[in-house]
Amino acid sequence: YTPKSKNEVLISTTPKAGTTWLQQICHQLRSAGEGGDMSFAEISEVVPWLELAFDQGQDLNAPQYGGKDEFPRIFKTHAWAGHCPEGCKKIVVLRDPMDVVVSFYKFFENWFFEGGTISLDDFAEEFWLARGVPTSRMNNASYFVHLVSWYERRHEDDVLFLFFEDLKDDLETQVRRVAKFISTEKNDFAKDDYVALATERSSFAFMKAHNSQFDEKLSKLARNEACGLPRDAGMNSSKLNDGKTGGGRLKLSEQLQDKIRTKWAEVVEPVTGCATYQELRDSMTSKEV
C-alpha cells in the first residue's frame, strides 16, 4: 500500500485501544455532508484493515467513499511507526495498558481458545507481554514498542495523538479534533452539524445498538479459514463490552500489574520521561491546542 494523497488517513493503534471507534468516527465525518453512511455490513468494508485486506479480498488501491480526494481514503492498521507508509495523515490512539490487555483477552476468549482454559495472567504473560519489536510488517509491535515509536513523532504535523480515556470523557471535543485533522482543502469536516452527527453515531449507545456492524466478522472469517478454525469461531463475541475504562486493574493480579509496570519502566519511561500511563496522558493532554 502506498498513499495516493496526503489527505489519506491511517488509524494506527495497538490492538484493543480504540481502532474500531476511530474507524466509525472518521467514516461518519467524511460522509456527514450526505447524512452519514451506515450502509456497510461491517466497518472494515469502508475503512479497510491494511494487514488483512488481501485475506478479505479487498483492493487497497480501490476508491473509497465518495470516490474523490476531497473524501479521504481511510485505513486501519496496528503497525508501529517504523512500518507505516509515509505521505499521509496518521491518527494514533493510546489506552491504559491494564485495560488493553483485559480487552485483548476477552476478544480472543471463545475464539482462539475456549473460555476458562487459559487464565488472564497466563495470556498476558505468555502472549501480550512476550511481544517486542516486530520482525516483519505482518507482526505487531508490543504495546510498549508501538507507543514509543509514535511518541517520538508526536510533534509532526501529520500525526494526531488521541487518548481512549479522553474520548470517553468528552467525545464531542475529540471528534472535533479528528474532524479538523482530516479536513481537506475542499472539505471542512469540522462543521458543527458534521461533528454532531459523528459524535452521536460514535457514541457507545449507538455502536452497541449496531453491534453487528462493528464485530470484525470479516477479519474473523478470513482468520478462521487461514488458521483452520470452524467458520463460525468467535462470531458470538462482542467488541463492545461495558463502555467503561479503568477496570483492568480490578481483573489483573498484583503480580501481573507489577510486570506491566516493569515493562513500562524498561521501554516507555526512558523515552517519554513518564513513570506511568496517567503521567503520559497528563503531559500530552496539557499541551493540546
C-alpha atoms as a PDB file:
ATOM      1  CA  TYR A   1       0.000   0.000   0.000  1.00  0.00           C
ATOM      2  CA  THR A   2       1.243   3.446  -0.999  1.00  0.00           C
ATOM      3  CA  PRO A   3      -0.875   6.525  -0.206  1.00  0.00           C
ATOM      4  CA  LYS A   4      -2.279   8.252  -3.273  1.00  0.00           C
ATOM      5  CA  SER A   5      -2.754  11.565  -1.491  1.00  0.00           C
ATOM      6  CA  LYS A   6      -1.549  13.475   1.555  1.00  0.00           C
ATOM      7  CA  ASN A   7      -5.217  13.541   2.621  1.00  0.00           C
ATOM      8  CA  GLU A   8      -5.391   9.796   3.200  1.00  0.00           C
ATOM      9  CA  VAL A   9      -5.662   8.735   6.835  1.00  0.00           C
ATOM     10  CA  LEU A  10      -4.113   5.817   8.707  1.00  0.00           C
ATOM     11  CA  ILE A  11      -5.558   4.931  12.106  1.00  0.00           C
ATOM     12  CA  SER A  12      -2.720   3.251  13.990  1.00  0.00           C
ATOM     13  CA  THR A  13      -3.320   1.657  17.364  1.00  0.00           C
ATOM     14  CA  THR A  14      -2.078  -1.248  19.352  1.00  0.00           C
ATOM     15  CA  PRO A  15      -4.878  -3.872  19.314  1.00  0.00           C
ATOM     16  CA  LYS A  16      -7.861  -3.102  21.566  1.00  0.00           C
ATOM     17  CA  ALA A  17      -7.078   0.583  22.010  1.00  0.00           C
ATOM     18  CA  GLY A  18      -9.934   2.175  20.080  1.00  0.00           C
ATOM     19  CA  THR A  19      -9.326   1.285  16.434  1.00  0.00           C
ATOM     20  CA  THR A  20     -12.926   0.463  15.578  1.00  0.00           C
ATOM     21  CA  TRP A  21     -14.107   3.574  17.385  1.00  0.00           C
ATOM     22  CA  LEU A  22     -11.872   5.770  15.215  1.00  0.00           C
ATOM     23  CA  GLN A  23     -12.924   3.931  12.060  1.00  0.00           C
ATOM     24  CA  GLN A  24     -16.514   4.885  12.811  1.00  0.00           C
ATOM     25  CA  ILE A  25     -15.682   8.476  13.785  1.00  0.00           C
ATOM     26  CA  CYS A  26     -13.653   9.100  10.633  1.00  0.00           C
ATOM     27  CA  HIS A  27     -16.132   7.449   8.293  1.00  0.00           C
ATOM     28  CA  GLN A  28     -19.108   9.318   9.724  1.00  0.00           C
ATOM     29  CA  LEU A  29     -17.226  12.624   9.461  1.00  0.00           C
ATOM     30  CA  ARG A  30     -16.317  12.133   5.812  1.00  0.00           C
ATOM     31  CA  SER A  31     -19.879  11.078   4.954  1.00  0.00           C
ATOM     32  CA  ALA A  32     -21.646  13.650   7.166  1.00  0.00           C
ATOM     33  CA  GLY A  33     -22.312  16.016   4.275  1.00  0.00           C
ATOM     34  CA  GLU A  34     -24.633  13.399   2.822  1.00  0.00           C
ATOM     35  CA  GLY A  35     -26.278  12.492   6.118  1.00  0.00           C
ATOM     36  CA  GLY A  36     -23.669   9.983   7.207  1.00  0.00           C
ATOM     37  CA  ASP A  37     -23.273   6.426   5.984  1.00  0.00           C
ATOM     38  CA  MET A  38     -24.334   3.263   7.803  1.00  0.00           C
ATOM     39  CA  SER A  39     -24.915   1.152   4.691  1.00  0.00           C
ATOM     40  CA  PHE A  40     -21.937  -1.133   5.354  1.00  0.00           C
ATOM     41  CA  ALA A  41     -22.301  -4.640   6.760  1.00  0.00           C
ATOM     42  CA  GLU A  42     -19.093  -4.281   8.776  1.00  0.00           C
ATOM     43  CA  ILE A  43     -16.946  -1.172   9.293  1.00  0.00           C
ATOM     44  CA  SER A  44     -13.851  -2.693   7.669  1.00  0.00           C
ATOM     45  CA  GLU A  45     -15.709  -2.769   4.359  1.00  0.00           C
ATOM     46  CA  VAL A  46     -15.452   1.019   4.206  1.00  0.00           C
ATOM     47  CA  VAL A  47     -12.307   1.525   6.314  1.00  0.00           C
ATOM     48  CA  PRO A  48     -10.072  -1.438   5.377  1.00  0.00           C
ATOM     49  CA  TRP A  49      -7.510  -3.077   7.623  1.00  0.00           C
ATOM     50  CA  LEU A  50      -4.160  -2.863   5.827  1.00  0.00           C
ATOM     51  CA  GLU A  51      -2.726  -6.113   7.182  1.00  0.00           C
ATOM     52  CA  LEU A  52      -5.781  -8.256   6.391  1.00  0.00           C
ATOM     53  CA  ALA A  53      -7.185  -6.588   3.273  1.00  0.00           C
ATOM     54  CA  PHE A  54      -5.690  -9.238   0.974  1.00  0.00           C
ATOM     55  CA  ASP A  55      -7.165 -12.090   3.022  1.00  0.00           C
ATOM     56  CA  GLN A  56     -10.538 -10.347   2.887  1.00  0.00           C
ATOM     57  CA  GLY A  57     -10.400  -9.874  -0.885  1.00  0.00           C
ATOM     58  CA  GLN A  58     -10.059  -6.096  -0.687  1.00  0.00           C
ATOM     59  CA  ASP A  59      -8.077  -3.940  -3.103  1.00  0.00           C
ATOM     60  CA  LEU A  60      -6.133  -1.296  -1.187  1.00  0.00           C
ATOM     61  CA  ASN A  61      -5.875   0.797  -4.349  1.00  0.00           C
ATOM     62  CA  ALA A  62      -9.633   0.884  -4.902  1.00  0.00           C
ATOM     63  CA  PRO A  63     -11.631   4.092  -4.418  1.00  0.00           C
ATOM     64  CA  GLN A  64     -13.451   4.522  -1.123  1.00  0.00           C
ATOM     65  CA  TYR A  65     -16.456   6.579  -0.050  1.00  0.00           C
ATOM     66  CA  GLY A  66     -17.101   9.487  -2.405  1.00  0.00           C
ATOM     67  CA  GLY A  67     -14.501   8.362  -4.921  1.00  0.00           C
ATOM     68  CA  LYS A  68     -12.656  11.708  -4.856  1.00  0.00           C
ATOM     69  CA  ASP A  69      -9.696  13.144  -2.961  1.00  0.00           C
ATOM     70  CA  GLU A  70     -11.979  15.555  -1.094  1.00  0.00           C
ATOM     71  CA  PHE A  71     -13.316  12.449   0.680  1.00  0.00           C
ATOM     72  CA  PRO A  72     -10.103  10.962   2.099  1.00  0.00           C
ATOM     73  CA  ARG A  73      -9.440   7.265   1.908  1.00  0.00           C
ATOM     74  CA  ILE A  74      -9.088   5.891   5.432  1.00  0.00           C
ATOM     75  CA  PHE A  75      -7.369   2.724   6.633  1.00  0.00           C
ATOM     76  CA  LYS A  76      -6.837   0.898   9.893  1.00  0.00           C
ATOM     77  CA  THR A  77      -3.517  -0.628  10.941  1.00  0.00           C
ATOM     78  CA  HIS A  78      -1.815  -1.991  14.038  1.00  0.00           C
ATOM     79  CA  ALA A  79       1.625  -1.195  12.610  1.00  0.00           C
ATOM     80  CA  TRP A  80       4.167   0.714  14.621  1.00  0.00           C
ATOM     81  CA  ALA A  81       5.624   3.902  13.145  1.00  0.00           C
ATOM     82  CA  GLY A  82       8.526   2.089  11.507  1.00  0.00           C
ATOM     83  CA  HIS A  83       6.209   0.052   9.288  1.00  0.00           C
ATOM     84  CA  CYS A  84       3.678   2.751   8.378  1.00  0.00           C
ATOM     85  CA  PRO A  85       3.885   4.306   4.909  1.00  0.00           C
ATOM     86  CA  GLU A  86       4.687   7.983   4.619  1.00  0.00           C
ATOM     87  CA  GLY A  87       2.843  10.659   2.673  1.00  0.00           C
ATOM     88  CA  CYS A  88      -0.469  10.602   4.561  1.00  0.00           C
ATOM     89  CA  LYS A  89      -2.042  11.571   7.887  1.00  0.00           C
ATOM     90  CA  LYS A  90      -1.764   9.288  10.896  1.00  0.00           C
ATOM     91  CA  ILE A  91      -4.099   9.125  13.906  1.00  0.00           C
ATOM     92  CA  VAL A  92      -2.617   7.328  16.908  1.00  0.00           C
ATOM     93  CA  VAL A  93      -4.817   6.236  19.814  1.00  0.00           C
ATOM     94  CA  LEU A  94      -3.373   5.305  23.209  1.00  0.00           C
ATOM     95  CA  ARG A  95      -5.117   3.468  26.039  1.00  0.00           C
ATOM     96  CA  ASP A  96      -4.222   2.368  29.560  1.00  0.00           C
ATOM     97  CA  PRO A  97      -2.237  -0.894  29.213  1.00  0.00           C
ATOM     98  CA  MET A  98      -4.169  -2.514  32.060  1.00  0.00           C
ATOM     99  CA  ASP A  99      -7.408  -2.054  30.118  1.00  0.00           C
ATOM    100  CA  VAL A 100      -5.839  -3.039  26.791  1.00  0.00           C
ATOM    101  CA  VAL A 101      -4.666  -6.446  27.955  1.00  0.00           C
ATOM    102  CA  VAL A 102      -8.044  -7.288  29.529  1.00  0.00           C
ATOM    103  CA  SER A 103      -9.892  -6.259  26.362  1.00  0.00           C
ATOM    104  CA  PHE A 104      -7.464  -8.275  24.205  1.00  0.00           C
ATOM    105  CA  TYR A 105      -8.038 -11.343  26.372  1.00  0.00           C
ATOM    106  CA  LYS A 106     -11.815 -11.021  26.090  1.00  0.00           C
ATOM    107  CA  PHE A 107     -11.533 -10.629  22.315  1.00  0.00           C
ATOM    108  CA  PHE A 108      -9.585 -13.890  21.896  1.00  0.00           C
ATOM    109  CA  GLU A 109     -11.508 -15.868  24.526  1.00  0.00           C
ATOM    110  CA  ASN A 110     -14.024 -18.262  22.929  1.00  0.00           C
ATOM    111  CA  TRP A 111     -12.398 -17.574  19.572  1.00  0.00           C
ATOM    112  CA  PHE A 112      -8.800 -18.817  19.634  1.00  0.00           C
ATOM    113  CA  PHE A 113      -9.217 -20.635  22.937  1.00  0.00           C
ATOM    114  CA  GLU A 114     -12.158 -21.948  24.936  1.00  0.00           C
ATOM    115  CA  GLY A 115     -13.337 -19.824  27.815  1.00  0.00           C
ATOM    116  CA  GLY A 116     -11.685 -20.785  31.094  1.00  0.00           C
ATOM    117  CA  THR A 117      -8.855 -22.812  29.534  1.00  0.00           C
ATOM    118  CA  ILE A 118      -6.271 -20.012  29.706  1.00  0.00           C
ATOM    119  CA  SER A 119      -6.092 -17.566  32.586  1.00  0.00           C
ATOM    120  CA  LEU A 120      -5.880 -13.837  32.034  1.00  0.00           C
ATOM    121  CA  ASP A 121      -2.473 -13.750  33.730  1.00  0.00           C
ATOM    122  CA  ASP A 122      -1.097 -16.560  31.535  1.00  0.00           C
ATOM    123  CA  PHE A 123      -2.448 -14.903  28.389  1.00  0.00           C
ATOM    124  CA  ALA A 124      -0.882 -11.595  29.341  1.00  0.00           C
ATOM    125  CA  GLU A 125       2.485 -13.033  30.293  1.00  0.00           C
ATOM    126  CA  GLU A 126       2.926 -15.639  27.545  1.00  0.00           C
ATOM    127  CA  PHE A 127       1.410 -13.684  24.656  1.00  0.00           C
ATOM    128  CA  TRP A 128       0.853  -9.970  25.274  1.00  0.00           C
ATOM    129  CA  LEU A 129       3.975  -9.167  27.322  1.00  0.00           C
ATOM    130  CA  ALA A 130       6.105 -11.519  25.222  1.00  0.00           C
ATOM    131  CA  ARG A 131       5.827  -9.305  22.150  1.00  0.00           C
ATOM    132  CA  GLY A 132       8.613  -6.894  21.292  1.00  0.00           C
ATOM    133  CA  VAL A 133       9.982  -5.246  18.168  1.00  0.00           C
ATOM    134  CA  PRO A 134       8.228  -6.678  15.077  1.00  0.00           C
ATOM    135  CA  THR A 135      10.341  -8.685  12.640  1.00  0.00           C
ATOM    136  CA  SER A 136       8.063  -8.103   9.637  1.00  0.00           C
ATOM    137  CA  ARG A 137       5.193  -5.894   8.522  1.00  0.00           C
ATOM    138  CA  MET A 138       2.749  -8.644   9.450  1.00  0.00           C
ATOM    139  CA  ASN A 139       3.961  -8.782  13.056  1.00  0.00           C
ATOM    140  CA  ASN A 140       2.514  -6.452  15.662  1.00  0.00           C
ATOM    141  CA  ALA A 141       4.869  -4.495  17.867  1.00  0.00           C
ATOM    142  CA  SER A 142       4.278  -4.818  21.571  1.00  0.00           C
ATOM    143  CA  TYR A 143       2.010  -2.262  23.208  1.00  0.00           C
ATOM    144  CA  PHE A 144       5.086  -0.526  24.603  1.00  0.00           C
ATOM    145  CA  VAL A 145       7.172  -0.502  21.406  1.00  0.00           C
ATOM    146  CA  HIS A 146       4.188   0.742  19.387  1.00  0.00           C
ATOM    147  CA  LEU A 147       3.669   3.588  21.859  1.00  0.00           C
ATOM    148  CA  VAL A 148       7.248   4.862  21.900  1.00  0.00           C
ATOM    149  CA  SER A 149       7.612   4.563  18.118  1.00  0.00           C
ATOM    150  CA  TRP A 150       4.795   7.061  17.669  1.00  0.00           C
ATOM    151  CA  TYR A 151       5.654   9.200  20.698  1.00  0.00           C
ATOM    152  CA  GLU A 152       8.911  10.127  19.002  1.00  0.00           C
ATOM    153  CA  ARG A 153       6.845  11.592  16.129  1.00  0.00           C
ATOM    154  CA  ARG A 154       4.320  13.435  18.282  1.00  0.00           C
ATOM    155  CA  HIS A 155       5.341  16.895  17.020  1.00  0.00           C
ATOM    156  CA  GLU A 156       4.890  16.099  13.328  1.00  0.00           C
ATOM    157  CA  ASP A 157       2.052  17.959  11.620  1.00  0.00           C
ATOM    158  CA  ASP A 158       0.660  14.804  10.006  1.00  0.00           C
ATOM    159  CA  VAL A 159       0.362  12.872  13.291  1.00  0.00           C
ATOM    160  CA  LEU A 160      -2.575  13.283  15.702  1.00  0.00           C
ATOM    161  CA  PHE A 161      -2.487  11.713  19.166  1.00  0.00           C
ATOM    162  CA  LEU A 162      -5.690  10.747  20.964  1.00  0.00           C
ATOM    163  CA  PHE A 163      -6.312   9.035  24.274  1.00  0.00           C
ATOM    164  CA  PHE A 164      -9.069   6.456  24.646  1.00  0.00           C
ATOM    165  CA  GLU A 165      -9.989   7.906  28.020  1.00  0.00           C
ATOM    166  CA  ASP A 166     -10.367  11.416  26.567  1.00  0.00           C
ATOM    167  CA  LEU A 167     -12.768  10.005  24.003  1.00  0.00           C
ATOM    168  CA  LYS A 168     -14.774   8.542  26.876  1.00  0.00           C
ATOM    169  CA  ASP A 169     -14.667  11.753  28.921  1.00  0.00           C
ATOM    170  CA  ASP A 170     -15.564  14.239  26.174  1.00  0.00           C
ATOM    171  CA  LEU A 171     -16.372  12.557  22.880  1.00  0.00           C
ATOM    172  CA  GLU A 172     -17.521  15.677  21.053  1.00  0.00           C
ATOM    173  CA  THR A 173     -14.301  17.576  21.736  1.00  0.00           C
ATOM    174  CA  GLN A 174     -12.184  14.679  20.484  1.00  0.00           C
ATOM    175  CA  VAL A 175     -14.383  14.176  17.415  1.00  0.00           C
ATOM    176  CA  ARG A 176     -13.888  17.850  16.599  1.00  0.00           C
ATOM    177  CA  ARG A 177     -10.111  17.409  16.866  1.00  0.00           C
ATOM    178  CA  VAL A 178     -10.307  14.498  14.439  1.00  0.00           C
ATOM    179  CA  ALA A 179     -12.561  16.495  12.114  1.00  0.00           C
ATOM    180  CA  LYS A 180     -10.104  19.387  11.924  1.00  0.00           C
ATOM    181  CA  PHE A 181      -7.224  16.986  11.349  1.00  0.00           C
ATOM    182  CA  ILE A 182      -8.787  15.036   8.460  1.00  0.00           C
ATOM    183  CA  SER A 183     -10.353  18.054   6.735  1.00  0.00           C
ATOM    184  CA  THR A 184      -9.106  18.680   3.194  1.00  0.00           C
ATOM    185  CA  GLU A 185      -8.684  21.781   1.072  1.00  0.00           C
ATOM    186  CA  LYS A 186     -12.088  21.061  -0.464  1.00  0.00           C
ATOM    187  CA  ASN A 187     -13.991  19.691   2.504  1.00  0.00           C
ATOM    188  CA  ASP A 188     -14.289  21.068   6.035  1.00  0.00           C
ATOM    189  CA  PHE A 189     -15.370  18.160   8.209  1.00  0.00           C
ATOM    190  CA  ALA A 190     -15.324  20.292  11.379  1.00  0.00           C
ATOM    191  CA  LYS A 191     -18.683  21.925  10.694  1.00  0.00           C
ATOM    192  CA  ASP A 192     -20.892  21.811  13.775  1.00  0.00           C
ATOM    193  CA  ASP A 193     -23.540  19.596  12.185  1.00  0.00           C
ATOM    194  CA  TYR A 194     -20.892  17.165  10.896  1.00  0.00           C
ATOM    195  CA  VAL A 195     -19.310  16.903  14.340  1.00  0.00           C
ATOM    196  CA  ALA A 196     -22.709  16.444  15.988  1.00  0.00           C
ATOM    197  CA  LEU A 197     -23.648  13.623  13.624  1.00  0.00           C
ATOM    198  CA  ALA A 198     -20.315  11.832  14.016  1.00  0.00           C
ATOM    199  CA  THR A 199     -20.443  12.231  17.796  1.00  0.00           C
ATOM    200  CA  GLU A 200     -23.921  10.727  18.005  1.00  0.00           C
ATOM    201  CA  ARG A 201     -23.044   7.830  15.703  1.00  0.00           C
ATOM    202  CA  SER A 202     -19.829   7.027  17.534  1.00  0.00           C
ATOM    203  CA  SER A 203     -21.447   7.035  20.965  1.00  0.00           C
ATOM    204  CA  PHE A 204     -21.362   3.804  22.945  1.00  0.00           C
ATOM    205  CA  ALA A 205     -25.160   3.555  22.835  1.00  0.00           C
ATOM    206  CA  PHE A 206     -25.323   3.917  19.041  1.00  0.00           C
ATOM    207  CA  MET A 207     -22.494   1.490  18.312  1.00  0.00           C
ATOM    208  CA  LYS A 208     -23.861  -1.032  20.818  1.00  0.00           C
ATOM    209  CA  ALA A 209     -27.248  -0.849  19.087  1.00  0.00           C
ATOM    210  CA  HIS A 210     -25.472  -1.552  15.767  1.00  0.00           C
ATOM    211  CA  ASN A 211     -23.051  -4.082  17.220  1.00  0.00           C
ATOM    212  CA  SER A 212     -23.096  -6.431  14.209  1.00  0.00           C
ATOM    213  CA  GLN A 213     -21.562  -3.687  12.070  1.00  0.00           C
ATOM    214  CA  PHE A 214     -18.538  -3.439  14.359  1.00  0.00           C
ATOM    215  CA  ASP A 215     -17.814  -7.067  15.311  1.00  0.00           C
ATOM    216  CA  GLU A 216     -14.906  -7.753  12.910  1.00  0.00           C
ATOM    217  CA  LYS A 217     -16.774 -10.593  11.230  1.00  0.00           C
ATOM    218  CA  LEU A 218     -14.793 -10.080   8.011  1.00  0.00           C
ATOM    219  CA  SER A 219     -11.401 -10.467   9.649  1.00  0.00           C
ATOM    220  CA  LYS A 220     -12.632 -13.365  11.778  1.00  0.00           C
ATOM    221  CA  LEU A 221     -13.876 -15.232   8.712  1.00  0.00           C
ATOM    222  CA  ALA A 222     -10.526 -14.661   6.996  1.00  0.00           C
ATOM    223  CA  ARG A 223      -8.510 -15.725  10.045  1.00  0.00           C
ATOM    224  CA  ASN A 224     -10.702 -18.750  10.707  1.00  0.00           C
ATOM    225  CA  GLU A 225     -10.112 -20.032   7.190  1.00  0.00           C
ATOM    226  CA  ALA A 226      -6.368 -19.355   7.309  1.00  0.00           C
ATOM    227  CA  CYS A 227      -5.971 -20.944  10.756  1.00  0.00           C
ATOM    228  CA  GLY A 228      -8.189 -23.961  10.126  1.00  0.00           C
ATOM    229  CA  LEU A 229     -10.763 -22.907  12.703  1.00  0.00           C
ATOM    230  CA  PRO A 230     -14.510 -23.526  12.380  1.00  0.00           C
ATOM    231  CA  ARG A 231     -16.096 -20.915  10.134  1.00  0.00           C
ATOM    232  CA  ASP A 232     -18.252 -19.552  12.965  1.00  0.00           C
ATOM    233  CA  ALA A 233     -15.484 -19.456  15.596  1.00  0.00           C
ATOM    234  CA  GLY A 234     -15.565 -16.235  17.603  1.00  0.00           C
ATOM    235  CA  MET A 235     -18.657 -14.911  15.862  1.00  0.00           C
ATOM    236  CA  ASN A 236     -20.633 -14.622  19.083  1.00  0.00           C
ATOM    237  CA  SER A 237     -18.118 -12.441  20.900  1.00  0.00           C
ATOM    238  CA  SER A 238     -18.698  -8.697  21.003  1.00  0.00           C
ATOM    239  CA  LYS A 239     -16.056  -5.982  20.704  1.00  0.00           C
ATOM    240  CA  LEU A 240     -18.263  -3.582  22.657  1.00  0.00           C
ATOM    241  CA  ASN A 241     -18.232  -4.541  26.308  1.00  0.00           C
ATOM    242  CA  ASP A 242     -19.418  -2.222  29.075  1.00  0.00           C
ATOM    243  CA  GLY A 243     -18.160   1.030  27.598  1.00  0.00           C
ATOM    244  CA  LYS A 244     -16.112   1.785  30.729  1.00  0.00           C
ATOM    245  CA  THR A 245     -12.449   2.496  31.397  1.00  0.00           C
ATOM    246  CA  GLY A 246     -10.124   1.762  34.285  1.00  0.00           C
ATOM    247  CA  GLY A 247     -11.445  -1.717  35.039  1.00  0.00           C
ATOM    248  CA  GLY A 248      -8.280  -3.549  34.030  1.00  0.00           C
ATOM    249  CA  ARG A 249      -6.658  -3.249  37.434  1.00  0.00           C
ATOM    250  CA  LEU A 250      -9.654  -4.925  39.062  1.00  0.00           C
ATOM    251  CA  LYS A 251      -9.151  -8.034  36.911  1.00  0.00           C
ATOM    252  CA  LEU A 252      -5.355  -8.359  36.889  1.00  0.00           C
ATOM    253  CA  SER A 253      -3.360  -9.933  39.694  1.00  0.00           C
ATOM    254  CA  GLU A 254      -0.994  -7.632  41.563  1.00  0.00           C
ATOM    255  CA  GLN A 255       1.890  -9.741  40.268  1.00  0.00           C
ATOM    256  CA  LEU A 256       0.877  -9.153  36.658  1.00  0.00           C
ATOM    257  CA  GLN A 257       0.315  -5.454  37.270  1.00  0.00           C
ATOM    258  CA  ASP A 258       3.870  -5.266  38.598  1.00  0.00           C
ATOM    259  CA  LYS A 259       5.177  -6.935  35.431  1.00  0.00           C
ATOM    260  CA  ILE A 260       3.310  -4.436  33.265  1.00  0.00           C
ATOM    261  CA  ARG A 261       4.721  -1.564  35.322  1.00  0.00           C
ATOM    262  CA  THR A 262       8.205  -3.052  34.966  1.00  0.00           C
ATOM    263  CA  LYS A 263       7.859  -3.291  31.190  1.00  0.00           C
ATOM    264  CA  TRP A 264       6.670   0.314  31.092  1.00  0.00           C
ATOM    265  CA  ALA A 265       9.718   1.375  33.125  1.00  0.00           C
ATOM    266  CA  GLU A 266      12.026  -0.522  30.759  1.00  0.00           C
ATOM    267  CA  VAL A 267      10.576   0.615  27.426  1.00  0.00           C
ATOM    268  CA  VAL A 268       8.369   3.690  27.794  1.00  0.00           C
ATOM    269  CA  GLU A 269       9.749   5.760  30.663  1.00  0.00           C
ATOM    270  CA  PRO A 270      13.277   6.185  29.206  1.00  0.00           C
ATOM    271  CA  VAL A 271      11.768   7.699  26.043  1.00  0.00           C
ATOM    272  CA  THR A 272       8.891   9.726  27.483  1.00  0.00           C
ATOM    273  CA  GLY A 273      10.151  10.578  30.958  1.00  0.00           C
ATOM    274  CA  CYS A 274       6.758   9.471  32.298  1.00  0.00           C
ATOM    275  CA  ALA A 275       6.669   6.806  35.003  1.00  0.00           C
ATOM    276  CA  THR A 276       3.017   5.874  34.409  1.00  0.00           C
ATOM    277  CA  TYR A 277       0.399   5.933  31.688  1.00  0.00           C
ATOM    278  CA  GLN A 278      -1.514   8.629  33.557  1.00  0.00           C
ATOM    279  CA  GLU A 279       1.596  10.808  33.680  1.00  0.00           C
ATOM    280  CA  LEU A 280       1.976  10.408  29.925  1.00  0.00           C
ATOM    281  CA  ARG A 281      -1.660  11.261  29.322  1.00  0.00           C
ATOM    282  CA  ASP A 282      -1.455  14.320  31.564  1.00  0.00           C
ATOM    283  CA  SER A 283       1.748  15.547  29.932  1.00  0.00           C
ATOM    284  CA  MET A 284       0.383  15.269  26.399  1.00  0.00           C
ATOM    285  CA  THR A 285      -3.174  16.426  27.066  1.00  0.00           C
ATOM    286  CA  SER A 286      -1.926  19.601  28.747  1.00  0.00           C
ATOM    287  CA  LYS A 287      -0.126  20.553  25.524  1.00  0.00           C
ATOM    288  CA  GLU A 288      -3.100  20.086  23.204  1.00  0.00           C
ATOM    289  CA  VAL A 289      -4.255  23.155  21.325  1.00  0.00           C
END
